[in-house]
Amino acid sequence: EELDEYLKMFRKRYQLEEVLDHMERMQNLKVLIIGDTILDEYQIASTLGKSSKDPILALKYQSHELYAGARWL
């Protein structure tokens, strides 16, 4: 869903010929990319209670969400 929204915005902002022109001009560039892919994963849970013997919460899994991390807007 997030990717679809981004692609719609990108298509409105840039014409195909403009993108192809930029790609052609970059054809002979030598590029080195250093880094890791960052994924942010969130586990959503509800609290069932607290253990009487240990300071630990008992949780029940509900769902999870995965996002491309380190986005700078």
N, C-alpha and C. Protein backbone atom coordinates (compact mmCIF):
# COMPACT_ATOMS: atom_id res chain seq x y z
N GLU A 1 0.83 -1.20 0.00
CA GLU A 1 0.00 0.00 0.00
C GLU A 1 0.88 1.26 0.00
N GLU A 2 1.88 1.27 0.87
CA GLU A 2 2.79 2.42 0.95
C GLU A 2 3.57 2.58 -0.36
N LEU A 3 4.00 1.47 -0.92
CA LEU A 3 4.74 1.49 -2.18
C LEU A 3 3.85 2.00 -3.31
N ASP A 4 2.60 1.57 -3.36
CA ASP A 4 1.68 2.04 -4.40
C ASP A 4 1.50 3.55 -4.34
N GLU A 5 1.37 4.09 -3.12
CA GLU A 5 1.21 5.54 -2.96
C GLU A 5 2.46 6.27 -3.45
N TYR A 6 3.62 5.73 -3.12
CA TYR A 6 4.87 6.35 -3.56
C TYR A 6 4.96 6.35 -5.08
N LEU A 7 4.63 5.22 -5.70
CA LEU A 7 4.71 5.12 -7.17
C LEU A 7 3.72 6.07 -7.85
N LYS A 8 2.55 6.24 -7.29
CA LYS A 8 1.58 7.20 -7.85
C LYS A 8 2.14 8.62 -7.81
N MET A 9 2.74 8.97 -6.66
CA MET A 9 3.32 10.30 -6.51
C MET A 9 4.48 10.47 -7.50
N PHE A 10 5.31 9.44 -7.64
CA PHE A 10 6.46 9.51 -8.53
C PHE A 10 6.02 9.70 -9.98
N ARG A 11 4.99 8.97 -10.38
CA ARG A 11 4.48 9.09 -11.76
C ARG A 11 3.91 10.48 -12.04
N LYS A 12 3.30 11.10 -11.05
CA LYS A 12 2.77 12.45 -11.23
C LYS A 12 3.90 13.48 -11.34
N ARG A 13 4.96 13.25 -10.59
CA ARG A 13 6.05 14.22 -10.52
C ARG A 13 7.00 14.13 -11.71
N TYR A 14 7.24 12.93 -12.23
CA TYR A 14 8.25 12.75 -13.28
C TYR A 14 7.67 12.09 -14.52
N GLN A 15 8.10 12.55 -15.68
CA GLN A 15 7.70 11.95 -16.95
C GLN A 15 8.66 10.81 -17.27
N LEU A 16 8.19 9.81 -18.00
CA LEU A 16 8.99 8.65 -18.36
C LEU A 16 10.26 9.06 -19.08
N GLU A 17 10.16 9.97 -20.03
CA GLU A 17 11.33 10.39 -20.80
C GLU A 17 12.39 11.03 -19.90
N GLU A 18 11.95 11.78 -18.92
CA GLU A 18 12.88 12.43 -17.99
C GLU A 18 13.64 11.37 -17.17
N VAL A 19 12.94 10.36 -16.69
CA VAL A 19 13.57 9.29 -15.91
C VAL A 19 14.55 8.51 -16.78
N LEU A 20 14.14 8.17 -18.00
CA LEU A 20 15.02 7.43 -18.91
C LEU A 20 16.26 8.24 -19.27
N ASP A 21 16.09 9.54 -19.44
CA ASP A 21 17.22 10.41 -19.73
C ASP A 21 18.23 10.41 -18.58
N HIS A 22 17.75 10.51 -17.36
CA HIS A 22 18.64 10.47 -16.20
C HIS A 22 19.35 9.12 -16.11
N MET A 23 18.64 8.06 -16.36
CA MET A 23 19.25 6.72 -16.30
C MET A 23 20.33 6.56 -17.37
N GLU A 24 20.07 7.08 -18.55
CA GLU A 24 21.06 6.99 -19.62
C GLU A 24 22.33 7.77 -19.28
N ARG A 25 22.16 8.95 -18.66
CA ARG A 25 23.32 9.75 -18.28
C ARG A 25 24.13 9.09 -17.17
N MET A 26 23.50 8.23 -16.39
CA MET A 26 24.20 7.54 -15.30
C MET A 26 24.84 6.23 -15.75
N GLN A 27 24.64 5.86 -16.98
CA GLN A 27 25.05 4.55 -17.48
C GLN A 27 26.53 4.24 -17.24
N ASN A 28 27.42 5.21 -17.37
CA ASN A 28 28.85 4.97 -17.24
C ASN A 28 29.42 5.30 -15.86
N LEU A 29 28.55 5.64 -14.93
CA LEU A 29 29.01 5.93 -13.58
C LEU A 29 29.41 4.63 -12.87
N LYS A 30 30.43 4.73 -12.05
CA LYS A 30 30.81 3.62 -11.19
C LYS A 30 30.42 4.02 -9.78
N VAL A 31 29.56 3.22 -9.16
CA VAL A 31 28.99 3.57 -7.87
C VAL A 31 29.25 2.45 -6.87
N LEU A 32 29.64 2.82 -5.68
CA LEU A 32 29.81 1.88 -4.59
C LEU A 32 28.85 2.28 -3.48
N ILE A 33 27.98 1.37 -3.10
CA ILE A 33 27.03 1.62 -2.03
C ILE A 33 27.44 0.80 -0.82
N ILE A 34 27.63 1.49 0.28
CA ILE A 34 28.05 0.83 1.51
C ILE A 34 26.94 1.01 2.54
N GLY A 35 26.54 -0.09 3.15
CA GLY A 35 25.52 -0.01 4.18
C GLY A 35 24.69 -1.27 4.22
N ASP A 36 23.77 -1.29 5.11
CA ASP A 36 22.88 -2.43 5.29
C ASP A 36 21.44 -1.99 5.09
N THR A 37 20.64 -2.92 4.66
CA THR A 37 19.21 -2.67 4.59
C THR A 37 18.67 -2.67 6.01
N ILE A 38 17.86 -1.68 6.32
CA ILE A 38 17.29 -1.58 7.66
C ILE A 38 15.79 -1.82 7.56
N LEU A 39 15.32 -2.78 8.32
CA LEU A 39 13.89 -3.06 8.40
C LEU A 39 13.44 -2.87 9.84
N ASP A 40 12.38 -2.11 10.03
CA ASP A 40 11.80 -1.93 11.35
C ASP A 40 10.60 -2.86 11.46
N GLU A 41 10.64 -3.77 12.42
CA GLU A 41 9.54 -4.71 12.61
C GLU A 41 8.95 -4.50 13.99
N TYR A 42 7.65 -4.31 14.04
CA TYR A 42 6.95 -4.08 15.29
C TYR A 42 6.03 -5.26 15.57
N GLN A 43 6.11 -5.79 16.78
CA GLN A 43 5.23 -6.86 17.23
C GLN A 43 4.17 -6.23 18.12
N ILE A 44 2.92 -6.39 17.75
CA ILE A 44 1.83 -5.80 18.52
C ILE A 44 1.24 -6.90 19.40
N ALA A 45 1.11 -6.58 20.69
CA ALA A 45 0.62 -7.57 21.64
C ALA A 45 -0.23 -6.88 22.70
N SER A 46 -1.04 -7.68 23.35
CA SER A 46 -1.82 -7.16 24.48
C SER A 46 -1.27 -7.80 25.76
N THR A 47 -1.36 -7.07 26.84
CA THR A 47 -0.83 -7.54 28.11
C THR A 47 -1.82 -8.48 28.78
N LEU A 48 -1.33 -9.65 29.16
CA LEU A 48 -2.16 -10.61 29.89
C LEU A 48 -2.00 -10.44 31.40
N GLY A 49 -0.81 -10.06 31.79
CA GLY A 49 -0.55 -9.88 33.22
C GLY A 49 0.93 -9.91 33.51
N LYS A 50 1.25 -9.86 34.80
CA LYS A 50 2.64 -9.87 35.24
C LYS A 50 2.89 -11.15 36.02
N SER A 51 4.06 -11.73 35.78
CA SER A 51 4.44 -12.93 36.52
C SER A 51 4.59 -12.59 37.99
N SER A 52 4.13 -13.47 38.87
CA SER A 52 4.21 -13.20 40.30
C SER A 52 5.63 -13.40 40.84
N LYS A 53 6.42 -14.24 40.17
CA LYS A 53 7.78 -14.54 40.66
C LYS A 53 8.85 -13.70 40.00
N ASP A 54 8.66 -13.32 38.75
CA ASP A 54 9.67 -12.57 38.02
C ASP A 54 9.07 -11.27 37.48
N PRO A 55 9.93 -10.25 37.32
CA PRO A 55 9.43 -8.97 36.77
C PRO A 55 9.28 -9.04 35.24
N ILE A 56 8.43 -9.94 34.80
CA ILE A 56 8.23 -10.18 33.37
C ILE A 56 6.74 -10.07 33.05
N LEU A 57 6.43 -9.40 31.94
CA LEU A 57 5.04 -9.30 31.51
C LEU A 57 4.68 -10.49 30.64
N ALA A 58 3.47 -10.98 30.80
CA ALA A 58 2.94 -12.01 29.92
C ALA A 58 2.14 -11.30 28.83
N LEU A 59 2.46 -11.59 27.56
CA LEU A 59 1.82 -10.91 26.43
C LEU A 59 1.16 -11.91 25.50
N LYS A 60 0.16 -11.44 24.78
CA LYS A 60 -0.50 -12.25 23.76
C LYS A 60 -0.29 -11.56 22.41
N TYR A 61 0.31 -12.28 21.48
CA TYR A 61 0.59 -11.74 20.15
C TYR A 61 -0.71 -11.40 19.44
N GLN A 62 -0.73 -10.24 18.79
CA GLN A 62 -1.89 -9.82 18.01
C GLN A 62 -1.56 -9.70 16.53
N SER A 63 -0.47 -9.00 16.22
CA SER A 63 -0.09 -8.82 14.81
C SER A 63 1.32 -8.26 14.75
N HIS A 64 1.79 -8.00 13.54
CA HIS A 64 3.09 -7.36 13.38
C HIS A 64 3.04 -6.42 12.18
N GLU A 65 3.96 -5.47 12.17
CA GLU A 65 4.07 -4.50 11.07
C GLU A 65 5.54 -4.42 10.67
N LEU A 66 5.78 -4.34 9.36
CA LEU A 66 7.14 -4.28 8.85
C LEU A 66 7.29 -3.04 7.97
N TYR A 67 8.31 -2.25 8.25
CA TYR A 67 8.54 -1.01 7.51
C TYR A 67 9.99 -0.96 7.04
N ALA A 68 10.20 -0.32 5.89
CA ALA A 68 11.55 -0.01 5.48
C ALA A 68 12.08 1.02 6.46
N GLY A 69 13.17 0.74 7.12
CA GLY A 69 13.67 1.60 8.18
C GLY A 69 14.56 2.70 7.68
N ALA A 70 14.93 3.58 8.59
CA ALA A 70 15.85 4.68 8.33
C ALA A 70 15.40 5.57 7.17
N ARG A 71 14.12 5.80 7.07
CA ARG A 71 13.62 6.70 6.02
C ARG A 71 13.84 8.12 6.46
N TRP A 72 14.40 8.91 5.60
CA TRP A 72 14.62 10.33 5.88
C TRP A 72 13.73 11.13 4.96
N LEU A 73 12.73 11.76 5.52
CA LEU A 73 11.78 12.52 4.69
C LEU A 73 12.07 13.99 4.78
